[in-house]
Amino acid sequence: MYCIIVQTRLKPGTRERFLEAMLPNAEASVREEPGCHAFDVIEDRDEPDLIHLYEIYTDQQALVAHKETSHYKESRAVVNELIAEQKVIRADVLAVNPER
């Protein structure tokens, strides 16, 4: 499986708008995309304007397909202007822990 971890530093005062667009995108991704196994939105405890996205896909093609969905495009149209800085880690998943 393929994973991306997206570290997003938001412009000051934009956290709520970002989450209003990103949380529905994350939920729809897992619900509607067979190739999306996880899409977690994580807020840094020390820096609330620092958000991490943890996404697991079957493979890189599933991520490409994700970027063609309407929920992705709708969220990007909102969040692009709210981002001060963004970094992406691309990784292979070695193990996934089962749900408890």
PDB file of N, CA and C in Angstrom:
ATOM      1  N   MET A   1       0.833  -1.179   0.000  1.00  0.00           N
ATOM      2  CA  MET A   1       0.000   0.000   0.000  1.00  0.00           C
ATOM      3  C   MET A   1       0.882   1.249   0.000  1.00  0.00           C
ATOM      4  N   TYR A   2       0.264   2.357  -0.333  1.00  0.00           N
ATOM      5  CA  TYR A   2       0.959   3.634  -0.515  1.00  0.00           C
ATOM      6  C   TYR A   2       0.392   4.662   0.460  1.00  0.00           C
ATOM      7  N   CYS A   3       1.265   5.447   1.043  1.00  0.00           N
ATOM      8  CA  CYS A   3       0.852   6.424   2.055  1.00  0.00           C
ATOM      9  C   CYS A   3       1.430   7.792   1.732  1.00  0.00           C
ATOM     10  N   ILE A   4       0.622   8.813   1.995  1.00  0.00           N
ATOM     11  CA  ILE A   4       1.165  10.161   2.008  1.00  0.00           C
ATOM     12  C   ILE A   4       0.804  10.804   3.343  1.00  0.00           C
ATOM     13  N   ILE A   5       1.740  11.564   3.853  1.00  0.00           N
ATOM     14  CA  ILE A   5       1.520  12.360   5.055  1.00  0.00           C
ATOM     15  C   ILE A   5       1.741  13.802   4.634  1.00  0.00           C
ATOM     16  N   VAL A   6       0.686  14.580   4.707  1.00  0.00           N
ATOM     17  CA  VAL A   6       0.735  15.958   4.237  1.00  0.00           C
ATOM     18  C   VAL A   6       0.744  16.880   5.461  1.00  0.00           C
ATOM     19  N   GLN A   7       1.820  17.634   5.601  1.00  0.00           N
ATOM     20  CA  GLN A   7       1.927  18.598   6.700  1.00  0.00           C
ATOM     21  C   GLN A   7       1.522  19.963   6.138  1.00  0.00           C
ATOM     22  N   THR A   8       0.486  20.544   6.712  1.00  0.00           N
ATOM     23  CA  THR A   8      -0.063  21.795   6.204  1.00  0.00           C
ATOM     24  C   THR A   8      -0.038  22.860   7.288  1.00  0.00           C
ATOM     25  N   ARG A   9       0.716  23.910   7.033  1.00  0.00           N
ATOM     26  CA  ARG A   9       0.708  25.070   7.924  1.00  0.00           C
ATOM     27  C   ARG A   9      -0.272  26.071   7.330  1.00  0.00           C
ATOM     28  N   LEU A  10      -1.281  26.408   8.125  1.00  0.00           N
ATOM     29  CA  LEU A  10      -2.339  27.298   7.655  1.00  0.00           C
ATOM     30  C   LEU A  10      -1.991  28.762   7.901  1.00  0.00           C
ATOM     31  N   LYS A  11      -2.564  29.615   7.085  1.00  0.00           N
ATOM     32  CA  LYS A  11      -2.459  31.049   7.342  1.00  0.00           C
ATOM     33  C   LYS A  11      -3.250  31.339   8.619  1.00  0.00           C
ATOM     34  N   PRO A  12      -2.808  32.296   9.416  1.00  0.00           N
ATOM     35  CA  PRO A  12      -3.503  32.603  10.674  1.00  0.00           C
ATOM     36  C   PRO A  12      -4.990  32.910  10.449  1.00  0.00           C
ATOM     37  N   GLY A  13      -5.823  32.361  11.326  1.00  0.00           N
ATOM     38  CA  GLY A  13      -7.259  32.618  11.287  1.00  0.00           C
ATOM     39  C   GLY A  13      -8.041  31.839  10.255  1.00  0.00           C
ATOM     40  N   THR A  14      -7.419  30.826   9.634  1.00  0.00           N
ATOM     41  CA  THR A  14      -8.110  30.085   8.567  1.00  0.00           C
ATOM     42  C   THR A  14      -8.449  28.640   8.949  1.00  0.00           C
ATOM     43  N   ARG A  15      -8.128  28.244  10.178  1.00  0.00           N
ATOM     44  CA  ARG A  15      -8.310  26.850  10.606  1.00  0.00           C
ATOM     45  C   ARG A  15      -9.736  26.351  10.397  1.00  0.00           C
ATOM     46  N   GLU A  16     -10.730  27.105  10.825  1.00  0.00           N
ATOM     47  CA  GLU A  16     -12.120  26.649  10.732  1.00  0.00           C
ATOM     48  C   GLU A  16     -12.549  26.453   9.278  1.00  0.00           C
ATOM     49  N   ARG A  17     -12.210  27.393   8.420  1.00  0.00           N
ATOM     50  CA  ARG A  17     -12.556  27.255   6.994  1.00  0.00           C
ATOM     51  C   ARG A  17     -11.875  26.040   6.378  1.00  0.00           C
ATOM     52  N   PHE A  18     -10.619  25.820   6.759  1.00  0.00           N
ATOM     53  CA  PHE A  18      -9.879  24.662   6.254  1.00  0.00           C
ATOM     54  C   PHE A  18     -10.578  23.363   6.657  1.00  0.00           C
ATOM     55  N   LEU A  19     -10.910  23.253   7.936  1.00  0.00           N
ATOM     56  CA  LEU A  19     -11.545  22.032   8.428  1.00  0.00           C
ATOM     57  C   LEU A  19     -12.938  21.836   7.836  1.00  0.00           C
ATOM     58  N   GLU A  20     -13.682  22.901   7.623  1.00  0.00           N
ATOM     59  CA  GLU A  20     -15.011  22.793   7.003  1.00  0.00           C
ATOM     60  C   GLU A  20     -14.933  22.204   5.597  1.00  0.00           C
ATOM     61  N   ALA A  21     -13.837  22.428   4.910  1.00  0.00           N
ATOM     62  CA  ALA A  21     -13.650  21.862   3.566  1.00  0.00           C
ATOM     63  C   ALA A  21     -12.960  20.502   3.609  1.00  0.00           C
ATOM     64  N   MET A  22     -11.999  20.332   4.519  1.00  0.00           N
ATOM     65  CA  MET A  22     -11.186  19.117   4.513  1.00  0.00           C
ATOM     66  C   MET A  22     -11.872  17.926   5.160  1.00  0.00           C
ATOM     67  N   LEU A  23     -12.602  18.125   6.242  1.00  0.00           N
ATOM     68  CA  LEU A  23     -13.230  16.979   6.924  1.00  0.00           C
ATOM     69  C   LEU A  23     -14.231  16.247   6.031  1.00  0.00           C
ATOM     70  N   PRO A  24     -15.109  16.934   5.289  1.00  0.00           N
ATOM     71  CA  PRO A  24     -16.000  16.206   4.369  1.00  0.00           C
ATOM     72  C   PRO A  24     -15.233  15.489   3.255  1.00  0.00           C
ATOM     73  N   ASN A  25     -14.138  16.078   2.798  1.00  0.00           N
ATOM     74  CA  ASN A  25     -13.313  15.425   1.784  1.00  0.00           C
ATOM     75  C   ASN A  25     -12.722  14.128   2.326  1.00  0.00           C
ATOM     76  N   ALA A  26     -12.200  14.173   3.533  1.00  0.00           N
ATOM     77  CA  ALA A  26     -11.616  12.979   4.145  1.00  0.00           C
ATOM     78  C   ALA A  26     -12.663  11.884   4.317  1.00  0.00           C
ATOM     79  N   GLU A  27     -13.829  12.270   4.808  1.00  0.00           N
ATOM     80  CA  GLU A  27     -14.899  11.294   5.023  1.00  0.00           C
ATOM     81  C   GLU A  27     -15.356  10.675   3.703  1.00  0.00           C
ATOM     82  N   ALA A  28     -15.564  11.500   2.689  1.00  0.00           N
ATOM     83  CA  ALA A  28     -16.020  10.990   1.386  1.00  0.00           C
ATOM     84  C   ALA A  28     -14.958  10.106   0.740  1.00  0.00           C
ATOM     85  N   SER A  29     -13.704  10.424   0.953  1.00  0.00           N
ATOM     86  CA  SER A  29     -12.623   9.632   0.356  1.00  0.00           C
ATOM     87  C   SER A  29     -12.666   8.192   0.839  1.00  0.00           C
ATOM     88  N   VAL A  30     -12.801   7.999   2.151  1.00  0.00           N
ATOM     89  CA  VAL A  30     -12.839   6.641   2.710  1.00  0.00           C
ATOM     90  C   VAL A  30     -14.157   5.949   2.349  1.00  0.00           C
ATOM     91  N   ARG A  31     -15.246   6.699   2.375  1.00  0.00           N
ATOM     92  CA  ARG A  31     -16.568   6.126   2.108  1.00  0.00           C
ATOM     93  C   ARG A  31     -16.757   5.751   0.637  1.00  0.00           C
ATOM     94  N   GLU A  32     -16.275   6.572  -0.286  1.00  0.00           N
ATOM     95  CA  GLU A  32     -16.614   6.418  -1.701  1.00  0.00           C
ATOM     96  C   GLU A  32     -15.502   5.867  -2.591  1.00  0.00           C
ATOM     97  N   GLU A  33     -14.288   5.882  -2.111  1.00  0.00           N
ATOM     98  CA  GLU A  33     -13.168   5.443  -2.946  1.00  0.00           C
ATOM     99  C   GLU A  33     -12.655   4.083  -2.478  1.00  0.00           C
ATOM    100  N   PRO A  34     -12.828   3.045  -3.286  1.00  0.00           N
ATOM    101  CA  PRO A  34     -12.349   1.718  -2.866  1.00  0.00           C
ATOM    102  C   PRO A  34     -10.839   1.666  -2.641  1.00  0.00           C
ATOM    103  N   GLY A  35     -10.096   2.546  -3.301  1.00  0.00           N
ATOM    104  CA  GLY A  35      -8.645   2.546  -3.158  1.00  0.00           C
ATOM    105  C   GLY A  35      -8.129   3.375  -2.002  1.00  0.00           C
ATOM    106  N   CYS A  36      -9.019   4.057  -1.266  1.00  0.00           N
ATOM    107  CA  CYS A  36      -8.609   4.869  -0.111  1.00  0.00           C
ATOM    108  C   CYS A  36      -8.958   4.106   1.165  1.00  0.00           C
ATOM    109  N   HIS A  37      -7.952   3.705   1.895  1.00  0.00           N
ATOM    110  CA  HIS A  37      -8.146   2.889   3.096  1.00  0.00           C
ATOM    111  C   HIS A  37      -8.172   3.710   4.380  1.00  0.00           C
ATOM    112  N   ALA A  38      -7.538   4.877   4.352  1.00  0.00           N
ATOM    113  CA  ALA A  38      -7.519   5.750   5.530  1.00  0.00           C
ATOM    114  C   ALA A  38      -7.292   7.177   5.073  1.00  0.00           C
ATOM    115  N   PHE A  39      -7.952   8.097   5.760  1.00  0.00           N
ATOM    116  CA  PHE A  39      -7.730   9.527   5.517  1.00  0.00           C
ATOM    117  C   PHE A  39      -8.014  10.220   6.835  1.00  0.00           C
ATOM    118  N   ASP A  40      -6.979  10.388   7.623  1.00  0.00           N
ATOM    119  CA  ASP A  40      -7.108  10.986   8.948  1.00  0.00           C
ATOM    120  C   ASP A  40      -6.640  12.441   8.906  1.00  0.00           C
ATOM    121  N   VAL A  41      -7.380  13.296   9.578  1.00  0.00           N
ATOM    122  CA  VAL A  41      -7.041  14.707   9.695  1.00  0.00           C
ATOM    123  C   VAL A  41      -6.599  14.922  11.135  1.00  0.00           C
ATOM    124  N   ILE A  42      -5.360  15.372  11.322  1.00  0.00           N
ATOM    125  CA  ILE A  42      -4.746  15.417  12.643  1.00  0.00           C
ATOM    126  C   ILE A  42      -4.293  16.845  12.935  1.00  0.00           C
ATOM    127  N   GLU A  43      -4.703  17.356  14.092  1.00  0.00           N
ATOM    128  CA  GLU A  43      -4.309  18.705  14.503  1.00  0.00           C
ATOM    129  C   GLU A  43      -3.169  18.621  15.504  1.00  0.00           C
ATOM    130  N   ASP A  44      -2.143  19.395  15.270  1.00  0.00           N
ATOM    131  CA  ASP A  44      -1.009  19.459  16.174  1.00  0.00           C
ATOM    132  C   ASP A  44      -1.447  20.066  17.511  1.00  0.00           C
ATOM    133  N   ARG A  45      -1.075  19.463  18.619  1.00  0.00           N
ATOM    134  CA  ARG A  45      -1.495  19.949  19.941  1.00  0.00           C
ATOM    135  C   ARG A  45      -0.849  21.270  20.322  1.00  0.00           C
ATOM    136  N   ASP A  46       0.376  21.483  19.887  1.00  0.00           N
ATOM    137  CA  ASP A  46       1.095  22.698  20.255  1.00  0.00           C
ATOM    138  C   ASP A  46       0.875  23.846  19.274  1.00  0.00           C
ATOM    139  N   GLU A  47       0.539  23.509  18.039  1.00  0.00           N
ATOM    140  CA  GLU A  47       0.354  24.524  17.001  1.00  0.00           C
ATOM    141  C   GLU A  47      -0.958  24.244  16.261  1.00  0.00           C
ATOM    142  N   PRO A  48      -2.065  24.855  16.667  1.00  0.00           N
ATOM    143  CA  PRO A  48      -3.356  24.550  16.052  1.00  0.00           C
ATOM    144  C   PRO A  48      -3.455  24.908  14.566  1.00  0.00           C
ATOM    145  N   ASP A  49      -2.531  25.743  14.071  1.00  0.00           N
ATOM    146  CA  ASP A  49      -2.524  26.058  12.640  1.00  0.00           C
ATOM    147  C   ASP A  49      -1.686  25.073  11.838  1.00  0.00           C
ATOM    148  N   LEU A  50      -1.266  23.986  12.483  1.00  0.00           N
ATOM    149  CA  LEU A  50      -0.500  22.933  11.811  1.00  0.00           C
ATOM    150  C   LEU A  50      -1.366  21.673  11.768  1.00  0.00           C
ATOM    151  N   ILE A  51      -1.739  21.290  10.565  1.00  0.00           N
ATOM    152  CA  ILE A  51      -2.618  20.128  10.351  1.00  0.00           C
ATOM    153  C   ILE A  51      -1.851  19.082   9.554  1.00  0.00           C
ATOM    154  N   HIS A  52      -2.030  17.822   9.936  1.00  0.00           N
ATOM    155  CA  HIS A  52      -1.413  16.713   9.218  1.00  0.00           C
ATOM    156  C   HIS A  52      -2.530  15.867   8.612  1.00  0.00           C
ATOM    157  N   LEU A  53      -2.350  15.462   7.378  1.00  0.00           N
ATOM    158  CA  LEU A  53      -3.264  14.526   6.734  1.00  0.00           C
ATOM    159  C   LEU A  53      -2.512  13.212   6.568  1.00  0.00           C
ATOM    160  N   TYR A  54      -3.104  12.126   7.046  1.00  0.00           N
ATOM    161  CA  TYR A  54      -2.504  10.796   6.945  1.00  0.00           C
ATOM    162  C   TYR A  54      -3.416   9.978   6.051  1.00  0.00           C
ATOM    163  N   GLU A  55      -2.921   9.638   4.867  1.00  0.00           N
ATOM    164  CA  GLU A  55      -3.754   8.978   3.863  1.00  0.00           C
ATOM    165  C   GLU A  55      -3.092   7.683   3.400  1.00  0.00           C
ATOM    166  N   ILE A  56      -3.874   6.611   3.351  1.00  0.00           N
ATOM    167  CA  ILE A  56      -3.376   5.330   2.845  1.00  0.00           C
ATOM    168  C   ILE A  56      -4.227   4.919   1.645  1.00  0.00           C
ATOM    169  N   TYR A  57      -3.545   4.566   0.572  1.00  0.00           N
ATOM    170  CA  TYR A  57      -4.193   4.140  -0.673  1.00  0.00           C
ATOM    171  C   TYR A  57      -3.665   2.763  -1.080  1.00  0.00           C
ATOM    172  N   THR A  58      -4.424   2.072  -1.884  1.00  0.00           N
ATOM    173  CA  THR A  58      -3.990   0.768  -2.383  1.00  0.00           C
ATOM    174  C   THR A  58      -2.650   0.896  -3.094  1.00  0.00           C
ATOM    175  N   ASP A  59      -2.518   1.929  -3.924  1.00  0.00           N
ATOM    176  CA  ASP A  59      -1.299   2.179  -4.676  1.00  0.00           C
ATOM    177  C   ASP A  59      -1.313   3.628  -5.156  1.00  0.00           C
ATOM    178  N   GLN A  60      -0.291   4.018  -5.887  1.00  0.00           N
ATOM    179  CA  GLN A  60      -0.200   5.397  -6.359  1.00  0.00           C
ATOM    180  C   GLN A  60      -1.335   5.735  -7.333  1.00  0.00           C
ATOM    181  N   GLN A  61      -1.800   4.765  -8.080  1.00  0.00           N
ATOM    182  CA  GLN A  61      -2.907   5.005  -9.014  1.00  0.00           C
ATOM    183  C   GLN A  61      -4.192   5.364  -8.265  1.00  0.00           C
ATOM    184  N   ALA A  62      -4.393   4.793  -7.099  1.00  0.00           N
ATOM    185  CA  ALA A  62      -5.568   5.136  -6.293  1.00  0.00           C
ATOM    186  C   ALA A  62      -5.485   6.580  -5.817  1.00  0.00           C
ATOM    187  N   LEU A  63      -4.279   7.062  -5.536  1.00  0.00           N
ATOM    188  CA  LEU A  63      -4.118   8.468  -5.170  1.00  0.00           C
ATOM    189  C   LEU A  63      -4.414   9.364  -6.369  1.00  0.00           C
ATOM    190  N   VAL A  64      -3.963   8.963  -7.536  1.00  0.00           N
ATOM    191  CA  VAL A  64      -4.265   9.715  -8.758  1.00  0.00           C
ATOM    192  C   VAL A  64      -5.782   9.773  -8.965  1.00  0.00           C
ATOM    193  N   ALA A  65      -6.462   8.651  -8.769  1.00  0.00           N
ATOM    194  CA  ALA A  65      -7.928   8.606  -8.904  1.00  0.00           C
ATOM    195  C   ALA A  65      -8.592   9.501  -7.865  1.00  0.00           C
ATOM    196  N   HIS A  66      -8.049   9.535  -6.652  1.00  0.00           N
ATOM    197  CA  HIS A  66      -8.578  10.397  -5.594  1.00  0.00           C
ATOM    198  C   HIS A  66      -8.591  11.855  -6.040  1.00  0.00           C
ATOM    199  N   LYS A  67      -7.534  12.272  -6.706  1.00  0.00           N
ATOM    200  CA  LYS A  67      -7.414  13.666  -7.131  1.00  0.00           C
ATOM    201  C   LYS A  67      -8.353  14.033  -8.277  1.00  0.00           C
ATOM    202  N   GLU A  68      -9.052  13.054  -8.819  1.00  0.00           N
ATOM    203  CA  GLU A  68     -10.034  13.297  -9.880  1.00  0.00           C
ATOM    204  C   GLU A  68     -11.464  13.366  -9.343  1.00  0.00           C
ATOM    205  N   THR A  69     -11.657  13.091  -8.064  1.00  0.00           N
ATOM    206  CA  THR A  69     -13.008  13.075  -7.492  1.00  0.00           C
ATOM    207  C   THR A  69     -13.531  14.490  -7.272  1.00  0.00           C
ATOM    208  N   SER A  70     -14.837  14.603  -7.266  1.00  0.00           N
ATOM    209  CA  SER A  70     -15.439  15.922  -7.039  1.00  0.00           C
ATOM    210  C   SER A  70     -15.176  16.416  -5.618  1.00  0.00           C
ATOM    211  N   HIS A  71     -15.205  15.519  -4.627  1.00  0.00           N
ATOM    212  CA  HIS A  71     -14.966  15.985  -3.255  1.00  0.00           C
ATOM    213  C   HIS A  71     -13.536  16.517  -3.083  1.00  0.00           C
ATOM    214  N   TYR A  72     -12.563  15.917  -3.750  1.00  0.00           N
ATOM    215  CA  TYR A  72     -11.194  16.436  -3.689  1.00  0.00           C
ATOM    216  C   TYR A  72     -11.129  17.812  -4.347  1.00  0.00           C
ATOM    217  N   LYS A  73     -11.660  17.916  -5.556  1.00  0.00           N
ATOM    218  CA  LYS A  73     -11.595  19.179  -6.294  1.00  0.00           C
ATOM    219  C   LYS A  73     -12.329  20.302  -5.556  1.00  0.00           C
ATOM    220  N   GLU A  74     -13.463  19.986  -4.957  1.00  0.00           N
ATOM    221  CA  GLU A  74     -14.216  20.996  -4.200  1.00  0.00           C
ATOM    222  C   GLU A  74     -13.436  21.476  -2.980  1.00  0.00           C
ATOM    223  N   SER A  75     -12.790  20.555  -2.278  1.00  0.00           N
ATOM    224  CA  SER A  75     -12.032  20.955  -1.092  1.00  0.00           C
ATOM    225  C   SER A  75     -10.793  21.755  -1.493  1.00  0.00           C
ATOM    226  N   ARG A  76     -10.115  21.348  -2.549  1.00  0.00           N
ATOM    227  CA  ARG A  76      -8.915  22.074  -2.980  1.00  0.00           C
ATOM    228  C   ARG A  76      -9.244  23.498  -3.397  1.00  0.00           C
ATOM    229  N   ALA A  77     -10.400  23.688  -4.003  1.00  0.00           N
ATOM    230  CA  ALA A  77     -10.808  25.030  -4.416  1.00  0.00           C
ATOM    231  C   ALA A  77     -10.913  25.970  -3.226  1.00  0.00           C
ATOM    232  N   VAL A  78     -11.245  25.426  -2.063  1.00  0.00           N
ATOM    233  CA  VAL A  78     -11.361  26.234  -0.839  1.00  0.00           C
ATOM    234  C   VAL A  78     -10.019  26.339  -0.128  1.00  0.00           C
ATOM    235  N   VAL A  79      -9.339  25.219   0.068  1.00  0.00           N
ATOM    236  CA  VAL A  79      -8.178  25.202   0.958  1.00  0.00           C
ATOM    237  C   VAL A  79      -6.906  25.783   0.347  1.00  0.00           C
ATOM    238  N   ASN A  80      -6.780  25.784  -0.963  1.00  0.00           N
ATOM    239  CA  ASN A  80      -5.537  26.266  -1.569  1.00  0.00           C
ATOM    240  C   ASN A  80      -5.141  27.648  -1.065  1.00  0.00           C
ATOM    241  N   GLU A  81      -6.085  28.548  -0.963  1.00  0.00           N
ATOM    242  CA  GLU A  81      -5.764  29.923  -0.540  1.00  0.00           C
ATOM    243  C   GLU A  81      -5.522  30.041   0.965  1.00  0.00           C
ATOM    244  N   LEU A  82      -5.818  28.987   1.725  1.00  0.00           N
ATOM    245  CA  LEU A  82      -5.669  29.023   3.178  1.00  0.00           C
ATOM    246  C   LEU A  82      -4.309  28.491   3.639  1.00  0.00           C
ATOM    247  N   ILE A  83      -3.565  27.905   2.726  1.00  0.00           N
ATOM    248  CA  ILE A  83      -2.311  27.224   3.053  1.00  0.00           C
ATOM    249  C   ILE A  83      -1.133  28.184   2.961  1.00  0.00           C
ATOM    250  N   ALA A  84      -0.380  28.267   4.063  1.00  0.00           N
ATOM    251  CA  ALA A  84       0.845  29.064   4.073  1.00  0.00           C
ATOM    252  C   ALA A  84       2.017  28.243   3.550  1.00  0.00           C
ATOM    253  N   GLU A  85       2.035  26.953   3.938  1.00  0.00           N
ATOM    254  CA  GLU A  85       3.138  26.068   3.551  1.00  0.00           C
ATOM    255  C   GLU A  85       2.647  24.628   3.614  1.00  0.00           C
ATOM    256  N   GLN A  86       3.138  23.799   2.684  1.00  0.00           N
ATOM    257  CA  GLN A  86       2.727  22.400   2.690  1.00  0.00           C
ATOM    258  C   GLN A  86       3.908  21.522   2.280  1.00  0.00           C
ATOM    259  N   LYS A  87       4.070  20.418   3.016  1.00  0.00           N
ATOM    260  CA  LYS A  87       5.110  19.427   2.724  1.00  0.00           C
ATOM    261  C   LYS A  87       4.450  18.065   2.643  1.00  0.00           C
ATOM    262  N   VAL A  88       4.965  17.203   1.766  1.00  0.00           N
ATOM    263  CA  VAL A  88       4.393  15.873   1.596  1.00  0.00           C
ATOM    264  C   VAL A  88       5.476  14.815   1.771  1.00  0.00           C
ATOM    265  N   ILE A  89       5.167  13.841   2.613  1.00  0.00           N
ATOM    266  CA  ILE A  89       6.012  12.651   2.749  1.00  0.00           C
ATOM    267  C   ILE A  89       5.310  11.533   1.992  1.00  0.00           C
ATOM    268  N   ARG A  90       6.027  10.857   1.116  1.00  0.00           N
ATOM    269  CA  ARG A  90       5.494   9.719   0.359  1.00  0.00           C
ATOM    270  C   ARG A  90       6.178   8.458   0.873  1.00  0.00           C
ATOM    271  N   ALA A  91       5.384   7.438   1.191  1.00  0.00           N
ATOM    272  CA  ALA A  91       5.954   6.254   1.822  1.00  0.00           C
ATOM    273  C   ALA A  91       5.192   4.990   1.419  1.00  0.00           C
ATOM    274  N   ASP A  92       5.846   3.872   1.607  1.00  0.00           N
ATOM    275  CA  ASP A  92       5.200   2.568   1.445  1.00  0.00           C
ATOM    276  C   ASP A  92       4.761   2.089   2.824  1.00  0.00           C
ATOM    277  N   VAL A  93       3.569   1.526   2.902  1.00  0.00           N
ATOM    278  CA  VAL A  93       3.031   1.022   4.164  1.00  0.00           C
ATOM    279  C   VAL A  93       3.557  -0.395   4.377  1.00  0.00           C
ATOM    280  N   LEU A  94       4.197  -0.613   5.503  1.00  0.00           N
ATOM    281  CA  LEU A  94       4.738  -1.932   5.830  1.00  0.00           C
ATOM    282  C   LEU A  94       3.773  -2.752   6.672  1.00  0.00           C
ATOM    283  N   ALA A  95       2.964  -2.100   7.476  1.00  0.00           N
ATOM    284  CA  ALA A  95       1.994  -2.790   8.311  1.00  0.00           C
ATOM    285  C   ALA A  95       0.852  -1.840   8.652  1.00  0.00           C
ATOM    286  N   VAL A  96      -0.345  -2.381   8.707  1.00  0.00           N
ATOM    287  CA  VAL A  96      -1.514  -1.639   9.141  1.00  0.00           C
ATOM    288  C   VAL A  96      -2.089  -2.393  10.334  1.00  0.00           C
ATOM    289  N   ASN A  97      -2.265  -1.696  11.434  1.00  0.00           N
ATOM    290  CA  ASN A  97      -2.804  -2.354  12.625  1.00  0.00           C
ATOM    291  C   ASN A  97      -4.320  -2.458  12.481  1.00  0.00           C
ATOM    292  N   PRO A  98      -4.865  -3.592  12.821  1.00  0.00           N
ATOM    293  CA  PRO A  98      -6.319  -3.777  12.690  1.00  0.00           C
ATOM    294  C   PRO A  98      -7.101  -2.913  13.682  1.00  0.00           C
ATOM    295  N   GLU A  99      -8.354  -2.677  13.367  1.00  0.00           N
ATOM    296  CA  GLU A  99      -9.206  -1.936  14.284  1.00  0.00           C
ATOM    297  C   GLU A  99      -9.376  -2.734  15.574  1.00  0.00           C
ATOM    298  N   ARG A 100      -9.591  -2.027  16.665  1.00  0.00           N
ATOM    299  CA  ARG A 100      -9.763  -2.711  17.956  1.00  0.00           C
ATOM    300  C   ARG A 100     -11.212  -2.969  18.219  1.00  0.00           C
TER     301      ARG A 100
END
